[in-house]
Protein backbone atom coordinates (compact mmCIF):
# COMPACT_ATOMS: atom_id res chain seq x y z
CA UNK A 1 0.11 0.11 -0.29
CA UNK A 2 1.07 3.64 -0.67
CA UNK A 3 2.37 5.54 2.31
CA UNK A 4 -0.27 8.19 3.47
CA UNK A 5 2.91 10.43 4.48
CA UNK A 6 4.47 12.56 2.25
CA UNK A 7 7.95 12.01 0.69
CA UNK A 8 10.54 14.39 2.40
CA UNK A 9 13.33 15.96 0.21
CA UNK A 10 16.91 14.93 1.56
CA UNK A 11 18.37 17.28 4.01
CA UNK A 12 21.62 18.69 2.85
CA UNK A 13 24.96 18.00 4.49
CA UNK A 14 25.98 21.69 4.17
CA UNK A 15 23.96 25.03 3.52
CA UNK A 16 24.74 28.70 3.70
CA UNK A 17 21.24 29.01 5.54
CA UNK A 18 22.33 26.37 7.75
CA UNK A 19 21.69 27.47 11.54
CA UNK A 20 24.80 27.99 13.86
CA UNK A 21 25.17 29.04 17.51
CA UNK A 22 26.93 32.09 16.26
CA UNK A 23 24.68 32.63 13.37
CA UNK A 24 21.53 33.34 16.75
CA UNK A 25 23.95 35.53 17.63
CA UNK A 26 26.62 33.79 20.62
CA UNK A 27 30.10 33.85 19.37
CA UNK A 28 32.14 31.06 21.41
CA UNK A 29 35.06 31.75 20.13
CA UNK A 30 34.86 35.71 21.04
CA UNK A 31 34.44 34.21 24.69
CA UNK A 32 37.01 32.33 24.42
CA UNK A 33 39.37 35.38 23.56
CA UNK A 34 37.62 37.09 26.49
CA UNK A 35 38.93 34.64 29.03
CA UNK A 36 42.72 34.23 27.83
CA UNK A 37 42.43 38.22 27.97
CA UNK A 38 41.29 38.09 31.33
CA UNK A 39 43.71 35.62 32.82
CA UNK A 40 46.46 38.07 33.56
CA UNK A 41 44.25 39.92 35.48
CA UNK A 42 42.22 37.22 37.66
CA UNK A 43 46.08 35.70 38.54
CA UNK A 44 46.89 38.78 40.35
CA UNK A 45 43.61 38.85 42.77
CA UNK A 46 45.00 35.16 44.40
CA UNK A 47 45.08 34.05 47.89
CA UNK A 48 47.26 31.20 49.26
CA UNK A 49 44.05 29.29 49.61
CA UNK A 50 42.92 29.03 46.05
CA UNK A 51 43.31 26.11 44.15
CA UNK A 52 43.82 25.43 40.54
CA UNK A 53 42.97 28.35 37.88
CA UNK A 54 41.12 29.87 35.53
CA UNK A 55 38.58 27.69 33.29
CA UNK A 56 37.37 25.31 35.80
CA UNK A 57 33.44 24.31 36.31
CA UNK A 58 33.80 25.75 40.04
CA UNK A 59 36.50 28.25 42.08
CA UNK A 60 38.23 25.86 44.86
CA UNK A 61 39.25 27.48 48.13
CA UNK A 62 40.79 25.47 50.46
CA UNK A 63 38.92 25.88 53.37
CA UNK A 64 41.74 24.17 55.79
CA UNK A 65 43.08 27.79 56.16
CA UNK A 66 40.07 28.67 58.63
CA UNK A 67 41.43 25.91 60.86
CA UNK A 68 43.16 29.09 62.89
CA UNK A 69 39.27 29.60 63.54
CA UNK A 70 37.64 28.19 67.01
CA UNK A 71 34.07 28.63 65.55
CA UNK A 72 34.34 30.14 61.91
CA UNK A 73 30.92 31.76 60.39
CA UNK A 74 30.86 32.12 56.81
CA UNK A 75 29.35 35.37 55.49
CA UNK A 76 27.80 35.83 52.16
CA UNK A 77 26.73 38.57 50.19
CA UNK A 78 25.65 39.15 46.37
CA UNK A 79 24.95 42.64 44.75
CA UNK A 80 25.42 44.70 41.28
CA UNK A 81 26.41 47.96 40.27
CA UNK A 82 22.82 49.12 38.81
CA UNK A 83 22.27 51.62 36.40
CA UNK A 84 25.83 53.12 36.94
CA UNK A 85 26.79 50.47 34.20
CA UNK A 86 24.78 52.78 31.20
CA UNK A 87 27.66 55.34 32.05
CA UNK A 88 30.76 53.23 31.78
CA UNK A 89 28.49 52.41 28.46
CA UNK A 90 28.07 55.39 27.12
CA UNK A 91 31.76 57.08 27.79
CA UNK A 92 33.43 53.35 27.23
CA UNK A 93 34.98 53.07 30.56
CA UNK A 94 34.94 49.87 31.97
CA UNK A 95 37.00 48.68 34.68
CA UNK A 96 35.66 51.30 37.26
CA UNK A 97 32.36 48.81 37.11
CA UNK A 98 34.42 46.18 38.60
CA UNK A 99 35.51 48.09 41.06
CA UNK A 100 32.23 49.29 41.95
CA UNK A 101 31.36 45.43 42.28
CA UNK A 102 33.69 44.20 44.82
CA UNK A 103 32.91 47.22 47.04
CA UNK A 104 29.29 46.82 47.06
CA UNK A 105 29.91 42.78 47.93
CA UNK A 106 32.63 42.98 50.05
CA UNK A 107 31.54 45.96 51.81
CA UNK A 108 28.64 44.22 53.04
CA UNK A 109 30.32 41.36 53.91
CA UNK A 110 32.86 43.00 56.08
CA UNK A 111 30.09 45.19 58.50
CA UNK A 112 29.47 41.73 60.48
CA UNK A 113 33.68 41.93 60.94
CA UNK A 114 33.99 38.94 58.35
CA UNK A 115 37.36 38.90 56.69
CA UNK A 116 36.60 38.81 53.16
CA UNK A 117 37.86 35.39 51.14
CA UNK A 118 36.97 35.35 47.61
CA UNK A 119 34.21 36.24 45.34
CA UNK A 120 32.77 34.99 41.98
CA UNK A 121 31.41 37.25 39.11
CA UNK A 122 28.70 37.31 36.66
CA UNK A 123 28.72 39.38 33.28
CA UNK A 124 26.12 39.21 31.13
CA UNK A 125 26.23 41.05 27.52
CA UNK A 126 24.09 41.34 24.41
CA UNK A 127 27.60 40.53 22.54
CA UNK A 128 30.61 39.67 23.63
CA UNK A 129 33.69 42.46 23.18
CA UNK A 130 36.41 40.43 24.14
CA UNK A 131 38.27 43.87 25.34
CA UNK A 132 35.86 45.01 27.07
CA UNK A 133 35.19 42.28 29.30
CA UNK A 134 38.52 41.90 30.07
CA UNK A 135 38.64 45.65 30.98
CA UNK A 136 35.49 44.77 33.69
CA UNK A 137 37.47 41.67 35.06
CA UNK A 138 40.43 43.90 35.70
CA UNK A 139 38.60 46.23 37.73
CA UNK A 140 36.85 43.27 39.69
CA UNK A 141 40.58 41.80 40.30
CA UNK A 142 41.56 44.78 41.41
CA UNK A 143 38.99 45.30 43.51
CA UNK A 144 39.89 42.41 44.93
CA UNK A 145 43.26 42.84 45.85
CA UNK A 146 41.99 46.25 47.46
CA UNK A 147 39.70 44.32 49.40
CA UNK A 148 42.29 41.26 50.64
CA UNK A 149 40.00 38.12 48.67
CA UNK A 150 40.66 36.42 45.86
CA UNK A 151 38.27 36.05 42.42
CA UNK A 152 38.18 32.58 42.27
CA UNK A 153 35.98 32.23 38.74
CA UNK A 154 33.04 33.72 36.94
CA UNK A 155 30.83 33.95 34.17
CA UNK A 156 30.51 35.50 31.21
CA UNK A 157 26.76 34.75 29.13
CA UNK A 158 26.03 36.48 26.10
CA UNK A 159 22.27 36.76 25.39
CA UNK A 160 21.42 38.11 22.23
CA UNK A 161 17.71 39.48 21.13
CA UNK A 162 17.36 39.65 25.24
CA UNK A 163 20.06 42.74 25.54
CA UNK A 164 21.34 44.70 22.43
CA UNK A 165 25.03 44.70 20.93
CA UNK A 166 26.76 47.26 23.39
CA UNK A 167 24.01 46.10 26.72
CA UNK A 168 25.71 44.78 29.85
CA UNK A 169 25.15 44.03 33.16
CA UNK A 170 27.45 42.97 35.96
CA UNK A 171 26.80 41.24 39.09
CA UNK A 172 28.84 39.10 42.06
CA UNK A 173 28.89 37.24 45.11
CA UNK A 174 31.56 36.69 47.74
CA UNK A 175 32.40 34.74 51.07
CA UNK A 176 33.75 35.85 53.84
CA UNK A 177 34.67 34.50 57.58
CA UNK A 178 34.72 35.73 61.28
CA UNK A 179 34.85 34.47 64.61
CA UNK A 180 31.71 34.05 66.32
CA UNK A 181 32.47 35.58 69.68
CA UNK A 182 33.91 38.50 67.05
CA UNK A 183 30.48 38.98 65.13
CA UNK A 184 29.31 42.84 64.73
CA UNK A 185 26.09 43.83 64.93
CA UNK A 186 23.41 45.74 67.27
CA UNK A 187 23.58 43.41 69.80
CA UNK A 188 26.64 44.82 70.89
CA UNK A 189 25.69 48.89 70.70
CA UNK A 190 25.42 50.15 74.15
CA UNK A 191 24.00 53.63 74.99
CA UNK A 192 26.65 56.65 74.90
CA UNK A 193 28.51 54.81 71.86
CA UNK A 194 29.83 56.95 69.36
CA UNK A 195 28.82 56.84 65.75
CA UNK A 196 32.26 57.70 63.55
CA UNK A 197 31.24 58.75 59.80
CA UNK A 198 33.65 56.99 57.17
CA UNK A 199 33.90 59.40 54.18
CA UNK A 200 32.42 58.38 50.69
CA UNK A 201 34.40 58.75 47.57
CA UNK A 202 31.56 60.48 45.89
CA UNK A 203 28.32 58.67 44.50
CA UNK A 204 29.80 54.88 44.97
CA UNK A 205 27.22 53.08 43.28
CA UNK A 206 23.78 53.51 44.15
CA UNK A 207 20.61 56.59 43.27
CA UNK A 208 22.23 56.17 39.73
CA UNK A 209 18.76 56.11 38.21
CA UNK A 210 17.58 59.47 39.97
CA UNK A 211 21.24 60.69 39.16
CA UNK A 212 20.99 60.23 35.44
CA UNK A 213 17.07 61.16 35.05
CA UNK A 214 18.24 64.63 36.82
CA UNK A 215 21.39 65.49 35.56
CA UNK A 216 21.12 63.83 32.01
CA UNK A 217 17.59 63.34 31.01
CA UNK A 218 16.40 66.40 32.35
CA UNK A 219 18.89 69.04 32.31
CA UNK A 220 20.61 67.72 29.27
CA UNK A 221 24.47 67.97 30.77
CA UNK A 222 27.17 66.24 28.67
CA UNK A 223 28.98 63.70 30.13
CA UNK A 224 32.14 65.49 28.76
CA UNK A 225 31.25 69.02 30.35
CA UNK A 226 33.60 69.97 32.88
CA UNK A 227 32.50 71.21 35.99
CA UNK A 228 34.76 73.84 38.03
CA UNK A 229 33.56 72.65 41.28
CA UNK A 230 34.40 68.91 40.55
CA UNK A 231 37.88 70.03 38.45
CA UNK A 232 36.86 67.26 36.17
CA UNK A 233 33.99 66.29 33.47
CA UNK A 234 31.02 65.09 34.58
CA UNK A 235 31.70 62.03 33.70
CA UNK A 236 34.38 61.36 35.79
CA UNK A 237 32.88 62.76 38.74
CA UNK A 238 30.02 60.04 38.05
CA UNK A 239 32.36 57.27 37.13
CA UNK A 240 34.42 57.43 40.53
CA UNK A 241 35.19 54.11 42.02
CA UNK A 242 33.25 53.18 45.13
CA UNK A 243 35.41 53.24 48.05
CA UNK A 244 36.45 49.33 49.01
CA UNK A 245 36.49 49.90 52.60
CA UNK A 246 37.27 46.52 53.68
CA UNK A 247 40.90 46.67 55.32
CA UNK A 248 40.22 49.94 56.67
CA UNK A 249 37.50 47.85 58.84
CA UNK A 250 39.73 45.27 59.42
CA UNK A 251 42.36 47.28 60.56
CA UNK A 252 39.80 49.08 62.92
CA UNK A 253 39.16 46.39 64.71
CA UNK A 254 42.29 45.65 65.43
CA UNK A 255 43.19 48.88 67.06
CA UNK A 256 39.89 49.64 68.53
CA UNK A 257 37.07 48.17 69.89
CA UNK A 258 34.15 48.51 67.37
CA UNK A 259 30.59 47.35 67.99
CA UNK A 260 28.99 47.76 64.55
CA UNK A 261 29.31 48.78 60.68
CA UNK A 262 26.78 50.09 58.80
CA UNK A 263 27.81 49.98 54.75
CA UNK A 264 25.66 52.76 53.48
CA UNK A 265 24.09 51.84 50.16
CA UNK A 266 20.33 51.63 48.90
CA UNK A 267 17.83 53.39 50.94
CA UNK A 268 20.55 56.03 52.22
CA UNK A 269 21.53 57.23 55.44
CA UNK A 270 19.57 56.81 58.16
CA UNK A 271 17.85 53.69 56.85
CA UNK A 272 21.02 51.82 56.76
CA UNK A 273 22.21 53.30 59.87
CA UNK A 274 18.97 51.89 61.63
CA UNK A 275 19.20 48.60 60.39
CA UNK A 276 22.35 47.90 63.10
CA UNK A 277 20.60 49.97 66.16
CA UNK A 278 19.28 47.32 68.86
CA UNK A 279 15.35 48.07 69.96
CA UNK A 280 15.21 50.52 72.90
CA UNK A 281 18.23 52.50 71.52
CA UNK A 282 18.52 55.13 68.88
CA UNK A 283 21.22 56.88 66.60
CA UNK A 284 21.28 60.48 66.20
CA UNK A 285 23.52 61.87 63.13
CA UNK A 286 24.75 65.55 63.54
CA UNK A 287 24.58 66.77 59.52
CA UNK A 288 26.78 69.79 60.87
CA UNK A 289 29.65 67.38 61.26
CA UNK A 290 30.39 67.39 57.45
CA UNK A 291 29.56 69.55 54.13
CA UNK A 292 28.49 67.11 51.65
CA UNK A 293 30.72 66.96 48.11
CA UNK A 294 29.39 69.52 45.42
CA UNK A 295 27.87 66.56 43.36
CA UNK A 296 25.34 66.23 45.70
CA UNK A 297 24.23 69.72 45.94
CA UNK A 298 24.35 69.72 41.87
CA UNK A 299 21.78 66.58 42.12
CA UNK A 300 19.62 68.36 44.75
CA UNK A 301 19.51 71.81 43.07
CA UNK A 302 19.32 70.58 39.55
CA UNK A 303 16.22 68.31 40.00
CA UNK A 304 14.89 70.36 42.88
CA UNK A 305 14.61 67.56 45.30
CA UNK A 306 14.38 67.67 48.92
CA UNK A 307 16.60 67.00 51.32
CA UNK A 308 15.16 63.84 52.78
CA UNK A 309 14.70 62.48 49.42
CA UNK A 310 18.11 63.06 48.50
CA UNK A 311 19.42 61.17 51.98
CA UNK A 312 16.93 58.02 51.16
CA UNK A 313 18.48 57.77 48.06
CA UNK A 314 22.55 58.89 48.17
CA UNK A 315 25.25 58.76 50.64
CA UNK A 316 25.86 62.19 51.20
CA UNK A 317 29.35 61.95 51.34
CA UNK A 318 29.61 59.15 53.72
CA UNK A 319 29.93 55.64 52.88
CA UNK A 320 30.17 53.85 56.21
CA UNK A 321 29.42 54.53 59.67
CA UNK A 322 31.10 52.40 62.67
CA UNK A 323 29.53 52.19 65.70
CA UNK A 324 32.34 52.50 68.62
CA UNK A 325 32.17 53.07 72.43
CA UNK A 326 33.32 56.36 73.70
CA UNK A 327 36.94 55.20 74.68
CA UNK A 328 37.54 53.90 71.25
CA UNK A 329 36.69 57.16 69.39
CA UNK A 330 40.53 58.81 69.55
CA UNK A 331 42.64 55.63 68.52
CA UNK A 332 39.70 54.59 66.14
CA UNK A 333 40.16 58.01 64.30
CA UNK A 334 44.09 57.68 64.36
CA UNK A 335 43.70 54.29 62.75
CA UNK A 336 41.65 55.72 60.29
CA UNK A 337 43.66 58.88 59.63
CA UNK A 338 47.41 56.69 59.46
CA UNK A 339 45.46 54.62 56.55
CA UNK A 340 44.54 57.94 54.76
CA UNK A 341 40.56 57.57 55.62
CA UNK A 342 38.88 60.88 56.29
CA UNK A 343 36.26 60.20 59.60
CA UNK A 344 35.12 62.15 62.17
CA UNK A 345 32.14 61.36 65.28
CA UNK A 346 29.10 62.20 63.48
CA UNK A 347 26.63 61.61 66.25
CA UNK A 348 25.79 58.97 69.24
CA UNK A 349 23.63 56.71 70.56
CA UNK A 350 21.27 57.32 73.19
CA UNK A 351 17.71 55.85 74.85
CA UNK A 352 15.00 55.61 72.00
CA UNK A 353 12.59 57.95 74.20
CA UNK A 354 9.79 59.03 72.09
CA UNK A 355 11.34 58.52 68.72
CA UNK A 356 9.83 56.37 66.33
CA UNK A 357 13.06 55.07 64.01
CA UNK A 358 16.35 53.61 64.96
CA UNK A 359 18.33 56.66 63.17
CA UNK A 360 17.69 60.21 62.27
CA UNK A 361 19.79 62.85 60.62
CA UNK A 362 19.12 66.38 62.75
CA UNK A 363 20.64 69.70 61.98
CA UNK A 364 21.78 71.21 58.84
CA UNK A 365 25.18 70.21 56.54
CA UNK A 366 28.28 72.61 57.35
CA UNK A 367 28.54 75.09 54.59
């Protein structure tokens, strides 16, 4: 009986129209080149505990190195850089974004008193540009050196059709370790403690949706416009890398008694400080103890942004708070000064009383 199925034409062995991963937008060869270009930078961000090299399926860290701890607690964090990556793309400057990534991850880890151990990164792109990816990883590796941790691995993913050819994003995850009886946090804070402010290097990596909306979209400022109050272009000011405090905080713990740290990121000053203030106590920060850098005034003035909105969005010149007992203030400030970090007494911890929140800013900024 004749078949009820129509006969099918033979499939050609080759065809100019044959589909491939590359024709779908994923260039494996370009990805391999990116790995080769980044190898020398990853090699710089190592610790003795790291085993193996770049290219494995997983990064290896010799946990026997933690035997010096009686009860080691592992601390982990993950973060990204947010819409600051858009400015890097516009300016064609990519290594600072890697630096920002390490700061956002490792400065969260050190808040509990943990020593940064290692991190991994994830770079998602619309199209692999090997030199661009290598530049991002260069910044990550340099940031890891500044944080005292190792870069043990990462992933680069090409997502054609989902992202434009020049679009990209970065994220990272990190791990640290702290001795259980040296864990910092709200349970250590006492009434009468001093709140020290550690200066930020600028906007850091939060609030850039507001910054871009106000300065670029609404005001129409060019990124290559030079501002006298900055002494450089707007683009250079906005891409200033986030300060990495990890080693400064660890040094502070070695020389002074520290009760808590608070990393000022999304949510701004009061909200992040409140995260480490225990029930029944209250943190008061005096604005008069510092003058925010000109970039904060520019954003507020140009966008007619209210002060409280700015303080909920931007760091206003403070990248980290340290809460210490009164007797530790002088040695703590001396340690930070020796490390070249501007810091000052910004407030104190008091009984909560009638206060409705765990932390507040009072007064006016110094002129």
